[in-house]
Amino acid sequence: MPDFIIVKAGTLDGFAQFTPALEAYCDGRLPWIPALVGAQQFSRSNIGDDG
């Protein structure tokens, strides 16, 4: 995985210009929340260890 930064969406005034590249904690996703199209999925927070 290339260099990246983690930004919590709630800390931004606006985030329309950003596209999520990955999702963490996907094993705990609630059934009614869809996966982000095009984002890499990780079951836990150990980004880079699984996927």
C-alpha atoms as a PDB file:
ATOM      1  CA  MET A   1       0.000   0.000   0.000  1.00  0.00           C
ATOM      2  CA  PRO A   2       1.377   3.431  -0.897  1.00  0.00           C
ATOM      3  CA  ASP A   3       1.834   6.108   1.718  1.00  0.00           C
ATOM      4  CA  PHE A   4      -1.458   7.281   3.121  1.00  0.00           C
ATOM      5  CA  ILE A   5      -2.925   9.298   5.959  1.00  0.00           C
ATOM      6  CA  ILE A   6      -5.965   8.574   8.079  1.00  0.00           C
ATOM      7  CA  VAL A   7      -8.415  11.440   8.438  1.00  0.00           C
ATOM      8  CA  LYS A   8     -11.567  11.106  10.514  1.00  0.00           C
ATOM      9  CA  ALA A   9     -14.418  12.448   8.390  1.00  0.00           C
ATOM     10  CA  GLY A  10     -15.977  14.246  11.352  1.00  0.00           C
ATOM     11  CA  THR A  11     -12.937  16.519  11.595  1.00  0.00           C
ATOM     12  CA  LEU A  12     -13.512  18.027   8.134  1.00  0.00           C
ATOM     13  CA  ASP A  13     -15.710  21.005   7.308  1.00  0.00           C
ATOM     14  CA  GLY A  14     -16.434  19.395   3.950  1.00  0.00           C
ATOM     15  CA  PHE A  15     -15.279  16.196   2.377  1.00  0.00           C
ATOM     16  CA  ALA A  16     -16.829  16.092  -1.101  1.00  0.00           C
ATOM     17  CA  GLN A  17     -13.380  16.464  -2.719  1.00  0.00           C
ATOM     18  CA  PHE A  18     -12.066  13.287  -1.039  1.00  0.00           C
ATOM     19  CA  THR A  19     -12.624   9.720  -2.244  1.00  0.00           C
ATOM     20  CA  PRO A  20     -12.212   6.920   0.317  1.00  0.00           C
ATOM     21  CA  ALA A  21      -9.517   4.444  -0.705  1.00  0.00           C
ATOM     22  CA  LEU A  22     -10.122   1.808   1.984  1.00  0.00           C
ATOM     23  CA  GLU A  23     -12.431   0.663   4.751  1.00  0.00           C
ATOM     24  CA  ALA A  24     -11.311  -0.866   8.055  1.00  0.00           C
ATOM     25  CA  TYR A  25     -13.319  -3.019  10.479  1.00  0.00           C
ATOM     26  CA  CYS A  26     -15.454  -4.457   7.664  1.00  0.00           C
ATOM     27  CA  ASP A  27     -16.185  -7.597   9.710  1.00  0.00           C
ATOM     28  CA  GLY A  28     -18.207  -5.386  12.050  1.00  0.00           C
ATOM     29  CA  ARG A  29     -20.156  -3.585   9.323  1.00  0.00           C
ATOM     30  CA  LEU A  30     -23.862  -3.432  10.019  1.00  0.00           C
ATOM     31  CA  PRO A  31     -25.969  -5.348   7.480  1.00  0.00           C
ATOM     32  CA  TRP A  32     -27.721  -2.242   6.130  1.00  0.00           C
ATOM     33  CA  ILE A  33     -24.500  -0.315   5.466  1.00  0.00           C
ATOM     34  CA  PRO A  34     -23.175  -1.029   1.951  1.00  0.00           C
ATOM     35  CA  ALA A  35     -19.491  -1.423   1.155  1.00  0.00           C
ATOM     36  CA  LEU A  36     -17.849   1.561  -0.520  1.00  0.00           C
ATOM     37  CA  VAL A  37     -17.514   0.859  -4.228  1.00  0.00           C
ATOM     38  CA  GLY A  38     -13.877   0.842  -5.275  1.00  0.00           C
ATOM     39  CA  ALA A  39     -12.504   0.981  -1.721  1.00  0.00           C
ATOM     40  CA  GLN A  40     -10.146  -1.727  -0.500  1.00  0.00           C
ATOM     41  CA  GLN A  41     -11.727  -3.738   2.350  1.00  0.00           C
ATOM     42  CA  PHE A  42      -9.988  -4.788   5.578  1.00  0.00           C
ATOM     43  CA  SER A  43     -11.628  -6.995   8.206  1.00  0.00           C
ATOM     44  CA  ARG A  44      -9.748  -5.368  11.092  1.00  0.00           C
ATOM     45  CA  SER A  45      -7.737  -2.231  11.699  1.00  0.00           C
ATOM     46  CA  ASN A  46      -4.460  -3.948  10.774  1.00  0.00           C
ATOM     47  CA  ILE A  47      -4.408  -2.298   7.375  1.00  0.00           C
ATOM     48  CA  GLY A  48      -2.051  -4.141   5.097  1.00  0.00           C
ATOM     49  CA  ASP A  49      -2.184  -7.434   7.045  1.00  0.00           C
ATOM     50  CA  ASP A  50      -5.301  -8.752   5.307  1.00  0.00           C
ATOM     51  CA  GLY A  51      -7.667  -7.709   2.618  1.00  0.00           C
END
